[in-house]
Amino acid sequence: MKMQRIKTITFTLALAAIMLFTCTFAVVMAEDGSPYLSKKMTVRIGQRVAMEVKNIPDGASVTYKSSNKKVISVSKKGKLTPKKKGKSVVKATLKYNGKTETLKCKVTVMPAIVAVIDGGAAKNQKVWKALKTSNAGARGPANGHAKHMIDTIKSEAPKAKILSIKVTDASDTRISNAGVIKALKLAKKYKASIVYYSFYGPEPSDEEYELVADLIASGTRVVGPAGNGHGADARKEAWLTNMEGADCVGAWGSGKILAKSNKHANLYVKADSTSAAAARYAGMLANGKVYGVHK
């Protein structure tokens, strides 16, 4: 209970820090107190990002519109959904005191960067970058787990940039906890828009939890498997299930949750395992097109 309270406070402080930075930036750029919108911004497919007009007058209404919905769409509340590489102009129209004012932001959409935290890409597998957190062996480098998960992501998002981060030990099976911590820091360093966890876990360390919370607060999507239904651990609730903003994915098949899929998931995707289901979902996010999801 004590650890959960610390985690909640940390996540709240991370969000507050981002809000404070945004507000401070807006004040500096609009000292006269007039409505302000960033002139330009760059986002990656898969990112969670919202556009917000600062210094909105009391009683004003705001509507948003994208000039190229095939590149990026925008909701009534300013939530952006990057769909494919390209450029668009997002307009924010304010109505107040009997007048109308339009603010514009030039948005550039770049391909997704998907950080795959697993055993590492196969030797001849084409990825954007392949990193190691240690000199440990890969999790089946030739035809192993990481290779199949990367291939699954690429089948959904062939244009996404894959950042493969190896976190296994020399036995090719065990996950290095220290490696995971380093991998999360590397994902942030390389500005991954999506982080794919290839493994299930009932409880993280405080440091791991805080790093994931920080990634989510910055707009990164964190996706992981709910776990398969064999063994005592796999029947427990995965910690990502209750992590605000994370996507804990289970496997779906024949019109229902697969018998071997953990029931503790936020959503379900058609696949023969939860790892593959999470990889498919990460690929969908990286391609800007999500489909066939069950909740």
C-alpha atoms as a PDB file:
ATOM      1  CA  MET A   1       0.000   0.000   0.000  1.00  0.00           C
ATOM      2  CA  LYS A   2       2.831   2.367   0.835  1.00  0.00           C
ATOM      3  CA  MET A   3       4.563   1.737  -2.511  1.00  0.00           C
ATOM      4  CA  GLN A   4       1.329   2.293  -4.469  1.00  0.00           C
ATOM      5  CA  ARG A   5       0.839   5.669  -2.751  1.00  0.00           C
ATOM      6  CA  ILE A   6       4.391   6.718  -3.683  1.00  0.00           C
ATOM      7  CA  LYS A   7       3.807   5.659  -7.292  1.00  0.00           C
ATOM      8  CA  THR A   8       0.590   7.662  -7.545  1.00  0.00           C
ATOM      9  CA  ILE A   9       2.242  10.798  -6.177  1.00  0.00           C
ATOM     10  CA  THR A  10       5.190  10.416  -8.557  1.00  0.00           C
ATOM     11  CA  PHE A  11       2.936  10.066 -11.604  1.00  0.00           C
ATOM     12  CA  THR A  12       0.884  13.099 -10.543  1.00  0.00           C
ATOM     13  CA  LEU A  13       4.011  15.194 -10.093  1.00  0.00           C
ATOM     14  CA  ALA A  14       5.257  14.176 -13.554  1.00  0.00           C
ATOM     15  CA  LEU A  15       2.031  15.380 -15.153  1.00  0.00           C
ATOM     16  CA  ALA A  16       2.085  18.590 -13.110  1.00  0.00           C
ATOM     17  CA  ALA A  17       5.634  19.328 -14.226  1.00  0.00           C
ATOM     18  CA  ILE A  18       4.632  19.056 -17.887  1.00  0.00           C
ATOM     19  CA  MET A  19       1.606  21.301 -17.384  1.00  0.00           C
ATOM     20  CA  LEU A  20       3.742  23.889 -15.596  1.00  0.00           C
ATOM     21  CA  PHE A  21       6.327  23.923 -18.378  1.00  0.00           C
ATOM     22  CA  THR A  22       3.636  24.344 -21.036  1.00  0.00           C
ATOM     23  CA  CYS A  23       1.963  27.220 -19.208  1.00  0.00           C
ATOM     24  CA  THR A  24       5.268  29.000 -18.597  1.00  0.00           C
ATOM     25  CA  PHE A  25       6.195  28.731 -22.280  1.00  0.00           C
ATOM     26  CA  ALA A  26       2.806  30.169 -23.305  1.00  0.00           C
ATOM     27  CA  VAL A  27       3.170  33.155 -20.975  1.00  0.00           C
ATOM     28  CA  VAL A  28       6.636  33.987 -22.314  1.00  0.00           C
ATOM     29  CA  MET A  29       5.436  33.879 -25.912  1.00  0.00           C
ATOM     30  CA  ALA A  30       2.258  35.871 -25.311  1.00  0.00           C
ATOM     31  CA  GLU A  31       3.077  38.509 -22.727  1.00  0.00           C
ATOM     32  CA  ASP A  32       0.109  40.694 -23.690  1.00  0.00           C
ATOM     33  CA  GLY A  33      -2.285  37.988 -22.509  1.00  0.00           C
ATOM     34  CA  SER A  34      -3.791  37.348 -25.957  1.00  0.00           C
ATOM     35  CA  PRO A  35      -4.781  33.814 -27.070  1.00  0.00           C
ATOM     36  CA  TYR A  36      -1.735  31.830 -28.120  1.00  0.00           C
ATOM     37  CA  LEU A  37      -1.084  28.630 -30.070  1.00  0.00           C
ATOM     38  CA  SER A  38       2.315  27.173 -30.960  1.00  0.00           C
ATOM     39  CA  LYS A  39       3.288  28.188 -34.494  1.00  0.00           C
ATOM     40  CA  LYS A  40       4.698  24.768 -35.367  1.00  0.00           C
ATOM     41  CA  MET A  41       5.274  21.340 -33.877  1.00  0.00           C
ATOM     42  CA  THR A  42       6.618  17.936 -34.858  1.00  0.00           C
ATOM     43  CA  VAL A  43       4.943  14.714 -33.727  1.00  0.00           C
ATOM     44  CA  ARG A  44       5.453  11.013 -34.408  1.00  0.00           C
ATOM     45  CA  ILE A  45       2.846   8.441 -35.328  1.00  0.00           C
ATOM     46  CA  GLY A  46       1.641   6.650 -32.211  1.00  0.00           C
ATOM     47  CA  GLN A  47       2.272   9.561 -29.851  1.00  0.00           C
ATOM     48  CA  ARG A  48      -0.394  10.893 -27.531  1.00  0.00           C
ATOM     49  CA  VAL A  49      -0.448  14.628 -28.053  1.00  0.00           C
ATOM     50  CA  ALA A  50      -2.978  17.401 -27.605  1.00  0.00           C
ATOM     51  CA  MET A  51      -3.118  20.910 -28.971  1.00  0.00           C
ATOM     52  CA  GLU A  52      -4.252  23.603 -26.574  1.00  0.00           C
ATOM     53  CA  VAL A  53      -4.829  27.318 -26.990  1.00  0.00           C
ATOM     54  CA  LYS A  54      -3.405  29.292 -24.088  1.00  0.00           C
ATOM     55  CA  ASN A  55      -4.899  32.456 -22.588  1.00  0.00           C
ATOM     56  CA  ILE A  56      -8.422  31.634 -23.743  1.00  0.00           C
ATOM     57  CA  PRO A  57     -10.803  34.510 -22.811  1.00  0.00           C
ATOM     58  CA  ASP A  58     -13.646  33.743 -20.413  1.00  0.00           C
ATOM     59  CA  GLY A  59     -16.708  32.423 -22.211  1.00  0.00           C
ATOM     60  CA  ALA A  60     -14.828  31.718 -25.452  1.00  0.00           C
ATOM     61  CA  SER A  61     -15.521  28.608 -27.513  1.00  0.00           C
ATOM     62  CA  VAL A  62     -12.725  26.813 -29.369  1.00  0.00           C
ATOM     63  CA  THR A  63     -12.986  24.456 -32.350  1.00  0.00           C
ATOM     64  CA  TYR A  64     -10.108  22.662 -34.082  1.00  0.00           C
ATOM     65  CA  LYS A  65      -9.690  21.576 -37.693  1.00  0.00           C
ATOM     66  CA  SER A  66      -6.928  19.841 -39.658  1.00  0.00           C
ATOM     67  CA  SER A  67      -6.189  20.873 -43.241  1.00  0.00           C
ATOM     68  CA  ASN A  68      -5.072  17.312 -44.081  1.00  0.00           C
ATOM     69  CA  LYS A  69      -7.007  14.650 -42.192  1.00  0.00           C
ATOM     70  CA  LYS A  70      -5.116  11.877 -43.963  1.00  0.00           C
ATOM     71  CA  VAL A  71      -1.932  13.052 -42.255  1.00  0.00           C
ATOM     72  CA  ILE A  72      -3.356  14.059 -38.876  1.00  0.00           C
ATOM     73  CA  SER A  73      -6.831  14.405 -37.429  1.00  0.00           C
ATOM     74  CA  VAL A  74      -7.904  16.515 -34.465  1.00  0.00           C
ATOM     75  CA  SER A  75     -10.817  16.067 -32.080  1.00  0.00           C
ATOM     76  CA  LYS A  76     -13.144  18.769 -30.803  1.00  0.00           C
ATOM     77  CA  LYS A  77     -10.991  19.031 -27.686  1.00  0.00           C
ATOM     78  CA  GLY A  78      -7.707  19.300 -29.585  1.00  0.00           C
ATOM     79  CA  LYS A  79      -6.525  15.683 -29.327  1.00  0.00           C
ATOM     80  CA  LEU A  80      -4.247  14.955 -32.282  1.00  0.00           C
ATOM     81  CA  THR A  81      -4.074  11.581 -34.034  1.00  0.00           C
ATOM     82  CA  PRO A  82      -1.026  11.343 -36.326  1.00  0.00           C
ATOM     83  CA  LYS A  83      -1.807   8.957 -39.195  1.00  0.00           C
ATOM     84  CA  LYS A  84       1.008   9.099 -41.707  1.00  0.00           C
ATOM     85  CA  LYS A  85       4.164  11.010 -42.572  1.00  0.00           C
ATOM     86  CA  GLY A  86       3.436  14.464 -43.957  1.00  0.00           C
ATOM     87  CA  LYS A  87       2.431  17.994 -43.087  1.00  0.00           C
ATOM     88  CA  SER A  88      -0.829  19.632 -42.082  1.00  0.00           C
ATOM     89  CA  VAL A  89      -2.048  22.929 -40.674  1.00  0.00           C
ATOM     90  CA  VAL A  90      -4.232  22.679 -37.599  1.00  0.00           C
ATOM     91  CA  LYS A  91      -6.505  25.661 -37.082  1.00  0.00           C
ATOM     92  CA  ALA A  92      -8.018  26.690 -33.771  1.00  0.00           C
ATOM     93  CA  THR A  93     -11.023  28.990 -34.147  1.00  0.00           C
ATOM     94  CA  LEU A  94     -12.045  31.060 -31.136  1.00  0.00           C
ATOM     95  CA  LYS A  95     -15.353  32.858 -30.783  1.00  0.00           C
ATOM     96  CA  TYR A  96     -15.772  35.399 -27.988  1.00  0.00           C
ATOM     97  CA  ASN A  97     -17.169  38.884 -27.391  1.00  0.00           C
ATOM     98  CA  GLY A  98     -18.899  38.816 -30.770  1.00  0.00           C
ATOM     99  CA  LYS A  99     -15.722  38.227 -32.759  1.00  0.00           C
ATOM    100  CA  THR A 100     -13.917  35.277 -34.366  1.00  0.00           C
ATOM    101  CA  GLU A 101     -10.172  34.660 -34.231  1.00  0.00           C
ATOM    102  CA  THR A 102      -8.250  31.868 -35.990  1.00  0.00           C
ATOM    103  CA  LEU A 103      -4.856  30.598 -34.836  1.00  0.00           C
ATOM    104  CA  LYS A 104      -2.734  28.241 -36.934  1.00  0.00           C
ATOM    105  CA  CYS A 105      -0.082  25.639 -36.166  1.00  0.00           C
ATOM    106  CA  LYS A 106       2.015  23.884 -38.809  1.00  0.00           C
ATOM    107  CA  VAL A 107       2.288  20.224 -37.828  1.00  0.00           C
ATOM    108  CA  THR A 108       4.880  17.840 -39.224  1.00  0.00           C
ATOM    109  CA  VAL A 109       4.191  14.121 -38.762  1.00  0.00           C
ATOM    110  CA  MET A 110       7.162  11.747 -38.704  1.00  0.00           C
ATOM    111  CA  PRO A 111       7.226   7.910 -38.744  1.00  0.00           C
ATOM    112  CA  ALA A 112       6.790   6.108 -35.443  1.00  0.00           C
ATOM    113  CA  ILE A 113       9.779   4.986 -33.429  1.00  0.00           C
ATOM    114  CA  VAL A 114       8.931   1.708 -31.690  1.00  0.00           C
ATOM    115  CA  ALA A 115      11.259   0.673 -28.878  1.00  0.00           C
ATOM    116  CA  VAL A 116      11.105  -3.139 -28.621  1.00  0.00           C
ATOM    117  CA  ILE A 117      12.330  -4.266 -25.213  1.00  0.00           C
ATOM    118  CA  ASP A 118      13.105  -7.965 -25.655  1.00  0.00           C
ATOM    119  CA  GLY A 119      15.971 -10.299 -26.438  1.00  0.00           C
ATOM    120  CA  GLY A 120      17.216  -8.274 -29.379  1.00  0.00           C
ATOM    121  CA  ALA A 121      16.805  -8.352 -33.144  1.00  0.00           C
ATOM    122  CA  ALA A 122      18.190 -11.260 -35.150  1.00  0.00           C
ATOM    123  CA  LYS A 123      21.642 -10.681 -36.653  1.00  0.00           C
ATOM    124  CA  ASN A 124      20.417 -10.083 -40.213  1.00  0.00           C
ATOM    125  CA  GLN A 125      17.057  -8.544 -39.276  1.00  0.00           C
ATOM    126  CA  LYS A 126      16.590  -5.028 -40.611  1.00  0.00           C
ATOM    127  CA  VAL A 127      15.855  -2.537 -37.841  1.00  0.00           C
ATOM    128  CA  TRP A 128      16.510   1.183 -37.394  1.00  0.00           C
ATOM    129  CA  LYS A 129      18.831   0.683 -34.411  1.00  0.00           C
ATOM    130  CA  ALA A 130      19.839  -2.368 -32.372  1.00  0.00           C
ATOM    131  CA  LEU A 131      21.062  -1.573 -28.850  1.00  0.00           C
ATOM    132  CA  LYS A 132      22.341  -3.647 -25.951  1.00  0.00           C
ATOM    133  CA  THR A 133      22.074  -2.885 -22.261  1.00  0.00           C
ATOM    134  CA  SER A 134      24.761  -5.497 -21.518  1.00  0.00           C
ATOM    135  CA  ASN A 135      26.891  -8.105 -23.249  1.00  0.00           C
ATOM    136  CA  ALA A 136      24.226 -10.722 -22.593  1.00  0.00           C
ATOM    137  CA  GLY A 137      23.044 -13.183 -25.207  1.00  0.00           C
ATOM    138  CA  ALA A 138      19.861 -12.610 -27.190  1.00  0.00           C
ATOM    139  CA  ARG A 139      16.554 -14.312 -26.467  1.00  0.00           C
ATOM    140  CA  GLY A 140      16.887 -16.750 -29.326  1.00  0.00           C
ATOM    141  CA  PRO A 141      18.629 -14.433 -31.845  1.00  0.00           C
ATOM    142  CA  ALA A 142      18.034 -16.452 -35.021  1.00  0.00           C
ATOM    143  CA  ASN A 143      14.403 -17.517 -34.737  1.00  0.00           C
ATOM    144  CA  GLY A 144      13.508 -16.351 -31.268  1.00  0.00           C
ATOM    145  CA  HIS A 145      10.899 -14.280 -29.527  1.00  0.00           C
ATOM    146  CA  ALA A 146      12.280 -10.835 -30.391  1.00  0.00           C
ATOM    147  CA  LYS A 147      12.565 -11.652 -34.091  1.00  0.00           C
ATOM    148  CA  HIS A 148       8.926 -12.769 -34.272  1.00  0.00           C
ATOM    149  CA  MET A 149       7.661  -9.773 -32.319  1.00  0.00           C
ATOM    150  CA  ILE A 150       9.612  -7.309 -34.475  1.00  0.00           C
ATOM    151  CA  ASP A 151       8.302  -9.030 -37.613  1.00  0.00           C
ATOM    152  CA  THR A 152       4.755  -8.783 -36.215  1.00  0.00           C
ATOM    153  CA  ILE A 153       5.124  -5.050 -35.569  1.00  0.00           C
ATOM    154  CA  LYS A 154       6.627  -4.494 -39.025  1.00  0.00           C
ATOM    155  CA  SER A 155       3.799  -6.435 -40.683  1.00  0.00           C
ATOM    156  CA  GLU A 156       1.378  -3.834 -39.305  1.00  0.00           C
ATOM    157  CA  ALA A 157       3.704  -0.818 -39.691  1.00  0.00           C
ATOM    158  CA  PRO A 158       6.342  -1.425 -42.391  1.00  0.00           C
ATOM    159  CA  LYS A 159       7.466   2.228 -42.331  1.00  0.00           C
ATOM    160  CA  ALA A 160       7.967   2.437 -38.565  1.00  0.00           C
ATOM    161  CA  LYS A 161      11.476   2.769 -37.159  1.00  0.00           C
ATOM    162  CA  ILE A 162      12.283  -0.191 -34.908  1.00  0.00           C
ATOM    163  CA  LEU A 163      14.573   0.493 -31.948  1.00  0.00           C
ATOM    164  CA  SER A 164      15.525  -2.990 -30.719  1.00  0.00           C
ATOM    165  CA  ILE A 165      16.848  -3.036 -27.154  1.00  0.00           C
ATOM    166  CA  LYS A 166      18.225  -6.333 -25.838  1.00  0.00           C
ATOM    167  CA  VAL A 167      17.634  -6.944 -22.119  1.00  0.00           C
ATOM    168  CA  THR A 168      18.205 -10.681 -21.662  1.00  0.00           C
ATOM    169  CA  ASP A 169      20.971 -12.557 -19.891  1.00  0.00           C
ATOM    170  CA  ALA A 170      23.440 -15.058 -21.339  1.00  0.00           C
ATOM    171  CA  SER A 171      20.965 -17.937 -20.906  1.00  0.00           C
ATOM    172  CA  ASP A 172      18.785 -16.397 -23.667  1.00  0.00           C
ATOM    173  CA  THR A 173      15.690 -16.690 -21.465  1.00  0.00           C
ATOM    174  CA  ARG A 174      15.875 -14.497 -18.348  1.00  0.00           C
ATOM    175  CA  ILE A 175      15.091 -10.779 -18.383  1.00  0.00           C
ATOM    176  CA  SER A 176      17.646  -8.505 -16.744  1.00  0.00           C
ATOM    177  CA  ASN A 177      15.879  -6.059 -14.409  1.00  0.00           C
ATOM    178  CA  ALA A 178      18.804  -3.653 -14.632  1.00  0.00           C
ATOM    179  CA  GLY A 179      18.625  -4.027 -18.409  1.00  0.00           C
ATOM    180  CA  VAL A 180      14.949  -3.030 -18.429  1.00  0.00           C
ATOM    181  CA  ILE A 181      15.728   0.144 -16.477  1.00  0.00           C
ATOM    182  CA  LYS A 182      18.452   1.047 -18.979  1.00  0.00           C
ATOM    183  CA  ALA A 183      16.156   0.181 -21.876  1.00  0.00           C
ATOM    184  CA  LEU A 184      13.447   2.570 -20.660  1.00  0.00           C
ATOM    185  CA  LYS A 185      16.020   5.346 -20.379  1.00  0.00           C
ATOM    186  CA  LEU A 186      17.235   4.570 -23.905  1.00  0.00           C
ATOM    187  CA  ALA A 187      13.655   4.646 -25.202  1.00  0.00           C
ATOM    188  CA  LYS A 188      13.301   8.163 -23.795  1.00  0.00           C
ATOM    189  CA  LYS A 189      16.726   9.215 -25.120  1.00  0.00           C
ATOM    190  CA  TYR A 190      15.807   8.162 -28.665  1.00  0.00           C
ATOM    191  CA  LYS A 191      12.334   9.732 -28.338  1.00  0.00           C
ATOM    192  CA  ALA A 192      10.360   6.564 -28.968  1.00  0.00           C
ATOM    193  CA  SER A 193       6.696   7.253 -29.676  1.00  0.00           C
ATOM    194  CA  ILE A 194       5.801   3.673 -28.657  1.00  0.00           C
ATOM    195  CA  VAL A 195       7.426   1.300 -26.168  1.00  0.00           C
ATOM    196  CA  TYR A 196       6.657  -2.393 -26.589  1.00  0.00           C
ATOM    197  CA  TYR A 197       7.252  -4.601 -23.539  1.00  0.00           C
ATOM    198  CA  SER A 198       7.662  -8.182 -24.731  1.00  0.00           C
ATOM    199  CA  PHE A 199       7.142  -9.703 -21.313  1.00  0.00           C
ATOM    200  CA  TYR A 200       4.550  -9.954 -18.583  1.00  0.00           C
ATOM    201  CA  GLY A 201       5.134  -9.024 -14.950  1.00  0.00           C
ATOM    202  CA  PRO A 202       2.884  -8.822 -11.869  1.00  0.00           C
ATOM    203  CA  GLU A 203       4.831  -5.978 -10.184  1.00  0.00           C
ATOM    204  CA  PRO A 204       7.656  -3.632 -11.232  1.00  0.00           C
ATOM    205  CA  SER A 205      10.308  -1.979  -9.120  1.00  0.00           C
ATOM    206  CA  ASP A 206       9.636   1.597  -8.026  1.00  0.00           C
ATOM    207  CA  GLU A 207      12.233   2.885 -10.486  1.00  0.00           C
ATOM    208  CA  GLU A 208      10.716   0.987 -13.401  1.00  0.00           C
ATOM    209  CA  TYR A 209       7.229   2.233 -12.521  1.00  0.00           C
ATOM    210  CA  GLU A 210       8.421   5.826 -12.321  1.00  0.00           C
ATOM    211  CA  LEU A 211      10.241   5.609 -15.685  1.00  0.00           C
ATOM    212  CA  VAL A 212       7.129   4.219 -17.380  1.00  0.00           C
ATOM    213  CA  ALA A 213       4.980   6.924 -15.770  1.00  0.00           C
ATOM    214  CA  ASP A 214       7.400   9.549 -17.066  1.00  0.00           C
ATOM    215  CA  LEU A 215       7.261   8.125 -20.612  1.00  0.00           C
ATOM    216  CA  ILE A 216       3.457   8.071 -20.590  1.00  0.00           C
ATOM    217  CA  ALA A 217       3.283  11.620 -19.234  1.00  0.00           C
ATOM    218  CA  SER A 218       5.492  12.777 -22.120  1.00  0.00           C
ATOM    219  CA  GLY A 219       3.111  11.254 -24.692  1.00  0.00           C
ATOM    220  CA  THR A 220       4.804   7.903 -25.340  1.00  0.00           C
ATOM    221  CA  ARG A 221       2.478   4.909 -25.737  1.00  0.00           C
ATOM    222  CA  VAL A 222       3.483   1.949 -23.557  1.00  0.00           C
ATOM    223  CA  VAL A 223       2.167  -1.432 -24.711  1.00  0.00           C
ATOM    224  CA  GLY A 224       2.654  -4.831 -23.093  1.00  0.00           C
ATOM    225  CA  PRO A 225       1.105  -8.320 -22.899  1.00  0.00           C
ATOM    226  CA  ALA A 226      -1.372  -9.323 -20.207  1.00  0.00           C
ATOM    227  CA  GLY A 227       0.300 -12.740 -19.866  1.00  0.00           C
ATOM    228  CA  ASN A 228      -0.763 -16.226 -20.929  1.00  0.00           C
ATOM    229  CA  GLY A 229      -2.959 -18.370 -18.709  1.00  0.00           C
ATOM    230  CA  HIS A 230      -0.449 -20.955 -17.542  1.00  0.00           C
ATOM    231  CA  GLY A 231       1.452 -20.906 -14.287  1.00  0.00           C
ATOM    232  CA  ALA A 232       0.616 -19.026 -11.099  1.00  0.00           C
ATOM    233  CA  ASP A 233       2.196 -15.730 -12.122  1.00  0.00           C
ATOM    234  CA  ALA A 234       0.363 -15.538 -15.451  1.00  0.00           C
ATOM    235  CA  ARG A 235      -2.990 -15.738 -13.672  1.00  0.00           C
ATOM    236  CA  LYS A 236      -2.190 -12.669 -11.592  1.00  0.00           C
ATOM    237  CA  GLU A 237      -3.109  -9.188 -12.739  1.00  0.00           C
ATOM    238  CA  ALA A 238      -0.328  -7.608 -14.801  1.00  0.00           C
ATOM    239  CA  TRP A 239       0.791  -4.269 -13.358  1.00  0.00           C
ATOM    240  CA  LEU A 240       0.303  -2.509 -16.709  1.00  0.00           C
ATOM    241  CA  THR A 241      -3.436  -3.234 -16.448  1.00  0.00           C
ATOM    242  CA  ASN A 242      -3.871  -0.541 -13.805  1.00  0.00           C
ATOM    243  CA  MET A 243      -1.156   1.803 -15.057  1.00  0.00           C
ATOM    244  CA  GLU A 244      -2.967   4.942 -16.176  1.00  0.00           C
ATOM    245  CA  GLY A 245      -2.318   5.521 -19.865  1.00  0.00           C
ATOM    246  CA  ALA A 246      -0.689   2.115 -20.536  1.00  0.00           C
ATOM    247  CA  ASP A 247      -2.128  -0.556 -22.865  1.00  0.00           C
ATOM    248  CA  CYS A 248      -2.135  -4.083 -21.440  1.00  0.00           C
ATOM    249  CA  VAL A 249      -3.132  -6.401 -24.303  1.00  0.00           C
ATOM    250  CA  GLY A 250      -4.704  -9.856 -24.257  1.00  0.00           C
ATOM    251  CA  ALA A 251      -5.258 -12.354 -27.089  1.00  0.00           C
ATOM    252  CA  TRP A 252      -8.586 -12.765 -28.919  1.00  0.00           C
ATOM    253  CA  GLY A 253      -9.770 -15.598 -31.143  1.00  0.00           C
ATOM    254  CA  SER A 254     -12.952 -17.317 -32.394  1.00  0.00           C
ATOM    255  CA  GLY A 255     -15.175 -14.553 -31.049  1.00  0.00           C
ATOM    256  CA  LYS A 256     -13.858 -14.592 -27.489  1.00  0.00           C
ATOM    257  CA  ILE A 257     -10.800 -14.206 -25.274  1.00  0.00           C
ATOM    258  CA  LEU A 258      -8.412 -17.102 -25.897  1.00  0.00           C
ATOM    259  CA  ALA A 259      -8.493 -19.686 -23.143  1.00  0.00           C
ATOM    260  CA  LYS A 260      -4.773 -19.266 -22.485  1.00  0.00           C
ATOM    261  CA  SER A 261      -4.942 -15.460 -22.427  1.00  0.00           C
ATOM    262  CA  ASN A 262      -4.825 -13.634 -19.137  1.00  0.00           C
ATOM    263  CA  LYS A 263      -8.221 -12.067 -18.381  1.00  0.00           C
ATOM    264  CA  HIS A 264      -6.632  -8.959 -16.848  1.00  0.00           C
ATOM    265  CA  ALA A 265      -6.234  -6.813 -19.959  1.00  0.00           C
ATOM    266  CA  ASN A 266      -7.379  -3.361 -21.085  1.00  0.00           C
ATOM    267  CA  LEU A 267      -8.095  -4.647 -24.597  1.00  0.00           C
ATOM    268  CA  TYR A 268      -7.826  -7.757 -26.764  1.00  0.00           C
ATOM    269  CA  VAL A 269      -6.422  -8.249 -30.267  1.00  0.00           C
ATOM    270  CA  LYS A 270      -6.573 -11.323 -32.504  1.00  0.00           C
ATOM    271  CA  ALA A 271      -3.398 -13.376 -32.058  1.00  0.00           C
ATOM    272  CA  ASP A 272      -2.223 -16.746 -30.784  1.00  0.00           C
ATOM    273  CA  SER A 273      -0.494 -15.311 -27.703  1.00  0.00           C
ATOM    274  CA  THR A 274      -0.598 -12.159 -25.622  1.00  0.00           C
ATOM    275  CA  SER A 275       2.926 -11.158 -26.693  1.00  0.00           C
ATOM    276  CA  ALA A 276       1.882 -11.338 -30.345  1.00  0.00           C
ATOM    277  CA  ALA A 277      -1.370  -9.498 -29.565  1.00  0.00           C
ATOM    278  CA  ALA A 278       0.561  -6.670 -27.889  1.00  0.00           C
ATOM    279  CA  ALA A 279       3.021  -6.563 -30.796  1.00  0.00           C
ATOM    280  CA  ARG A 280       0.154  -6.337 -33.291  1.00  0.00           C
ATOM    281  CA  TYR A 281      -1.419  -3.499 -31.323  1.00  0.00           C
ATOM    282  CA  ALA A 282       1.902  -1.648 -31.087  1.00  0.00           C
ATOM    283  CA  GLY A 283       2.197  -2.052 -34.862  1.00  0.00           C
ATOM    284  CA  MET A 284      -1.301  -0.672 -35.399  1.00  0.00           C
ATOM    285  CA  LEU A 285      -0.482   2.381 -33.310  1.00  0.00           C
ATOM    286  CA  ALA A 286       2.753   2.802 -35.264  1.00  0.00           C
ATOM    287  CA  ASN A 287       0.803   2.715 -38.526  1.00  0.00           C
ATOM    288  CA  GLY A 288      -1.840   5.171 -37.310  1.00  0.00           C
ATOM    289  CA  LYS A 289      -4.664   2.680 -37.949  1.00  0.00           C
ATOM    290  CA  VAL A 290      -6.171   0.694 -35.083  1.00  0.00           C
ATOM    291  CA  TYR A 291      -8.737  -1.984 -35.946  1.00  0.00           C
ATOM    292  CA  GLY A 292     -10.222  -5.233 -34.637  1.00  0.00           C
ATOM    293  CA  VAL A 293      -9.821  -4.300 -30.968  1.00  0.00           C
ATOM    294  CA  HIS A 294     -12.096  -5.874 -28.328  1.00  0.00           C
ATOM    295  CA  LYS A 295     -12.594  -4.559 -24.817  1.00  0.00           C
END
